[in-house]
Amino acid sequence: MSPRTTAVDDARDRCRQLLELVSTYVDGDLTGADRRRVVAHLRQCPCCQAMANGLEQTVALCRQARSARLPADVRKRARARIASLLAAGGRRGSRA
């Protein structure tokens, strides 16, 4: 195995290890040596930095969406459709 192959494999391993921690890092729950390791890696790895940034944006959008309230007519139609699906599922289950 060439030194280049070994270096690439080592980099992939570091990125895989980071992926196990990045969600906790984005949530702000990572402390100590693990946090320092993630921060140092993100500074050196544009691919992992982009992934972490994307996850941060996704989390922020999910938090914003959670507080949004659907218009009354949309809620009413959704409830009616859910009730219809549940009723149809109940009828299918009774035939078996």
Protein backbone atom coordinates (compact mmCIF):
# COMPACT_ATOMS: atom_id res chain seq x y z
CA MET A 1 0.00 0.00 0.00
CA SER A 2 1.41 3.41 -0.93
CA PRO A 3 1.87 6.26 1.57
CA ARG A 4 -0.77 8.23 -0.39
CA THR A 5 -3.34 5.46 0.06
CA THR A 6 -2.60 5.28 3.78
CA ALA A 7 -2.99 9.06 4.15
CA VAL A 8 -6.33 9.00 2.32
CA ASP A 9 -7.55 6.12 4.47
CA ASP A 10 -6.47 7.97 7.63
CA ALA A 11 -8.35 11.09 6.51
CA ARG A 12 -11.48 9.04 5.79
CA ASP A 13 -11.26 7.46 9.24
CA ARG A 14 -11.00 10.88 10.89
CA CYS A 15 -14.03 12.10 8.92
CA ARG A 16 -16.03 9.00 9.90
CA GLN A 17 -15.17 9.54 13.55
CA LEU A 18 -16.25 13.16 13.27
CA LEU A 19 -19.59 12.16 11.80
CA GLU A 20 -20.34 10.27 14.99
CA LEU A 21 -19.88 13.48 16.99
CA VAL A 22 -21.10 16.23 14.68
CA SER A 23 -24.77 16.09 15.69
CA THR A 24 -23.84 16.43 19.36
CA TYR A 25 -21.46 19.26 18.39
CA VAL A 26 -24.17 21.12 16.44
CA ASP A 27 -26.55 20.76 19.40
CA GLY A 28 -23.90 22.38 21.62
CA ASP A 29 -23.67 19.32 23.83
CA LEU A 30 -20.09 18.32 23.04
CA THR A 31 -17.47 19.36 25.59
CA GLY A 32 -13.82 18.90 26.38
CA ALA A 33 -11.39 17.05 24.18
CA ASP A 34 -14.06 15.82 21.78
CA ARG A 35 -15.23 19.38 21.10
CA ARG A 36 -11.67 20.59 20.51
CA ARG A 37 -11.04 17.66 18.17
CA VAL A 38 -14.19 18.39 16.15
CA VAL A 39 -13.42 22.13 15.92
CA ALA A 40 -9.84 21.43 14.79
CA HIS A 41 -11.03 18.94 12.17
CA LEU A 42 -13.69 21.30 10.82
CA ARG A 43 -11.06 24.02 10.38
CA GLN A 44 -8.98 21.68 8.21
CA CYS A 45 -11.64 19.73 6.30
CA PRO A 46 -13.88 21.76 3.96
CA CYS A 47 -16.08 18.74 3.24
CA CYS A 48 -16.87 18.10 6.92
CA GLN A 49 -17.26 21.85 7.54
CA ALA A 50 -19.84 22.04 4.75
CA MET A 51 -21.67 19.03 6.18
CA ALA A 52 -21.69 20.55 9.69
CA ASN A 53 -22.91 23.89 8.31
CA GLY A 54 -25.69 22.12 6.43
CA LEU A 55 -26.73 20.28 9.57
CA GLU A 56 -26.75 23.54 11.55
CA GLN A 57 -28.98 25.14 8.90
CA THR A 58 -31.31 22.14 8.88
CA VAL A 59 -31.65 22.20 12.67
CA ALA A 60 -32.36 25.96 12.59
CA LEU A 61 -35.03 25.53 9.91
CA CYS A 62 -36.66 22.68 11.84
CA ARG A 63 -36.79 24.81 14.96
CA GLN A 64 -38.38 27.66 13.01
CA ALA A 65 -40.91 25.36 11.35
CA ARG A 66 -41.92 23.88 14.68
CA SER A 67 -43.25 27.25 15.82
CA ALA A 68 -45.17 27.93 12.59
CA ARG A 69 -48.92 27.34 12.74
CA LEU A 70 -50.78 26.09 9.70
CA PRO A 71 -53.77 28.12 8.48
CA ALA A 72 -57.13 26.92 9.83
CA ASP A 73 -58.37 25.67 6.44
CA VAL A 74 -55.22 23.58 5.96
CA ARG A 75 -55.58 22.06 9.44
CA LYS A 76 -59.24 21.28 8.76
CA ARG A 77 -58.47 19.54 5.44
CA ALA A 78 -55.58 17.60 7.01
CA ARG A 79 -57.77 16.38 9.87
CA ALA A 80 -60.50 15.32 7.44
CA ARG A 81 -58.00 13.43 5.29
CA ILE A 82 -56.47 11.70 8.32
CA ALA A 83 -59.92 10.70 9.53
CA SER A 84 -60.71 9.33 6.06
CA LEU A 85 -57.49 7.32 5.95
CA LEU A 86 -58.07 5.95 9.44
CA ALA A 87 -61.62 4.94 8.56
CA ALA A 88 -60.44 3.23 5.36
CA GLY A 89 -57.71 1.43 7.27
CA GLY A 90 -60.23 0.20 9.82
CA ARG A 91 -62.47 -1.16 7.06
CA ARG A 92 -59.52 -2.94 5.41
CA GLY A 93 -58.49 -4.48 8.71
CA SER A 94 -61.97 -5.89 9.38
CA ARG A 95 -61.98 -7.84 6.07
CA ALA A 96 -58.93 -9.90 6.94
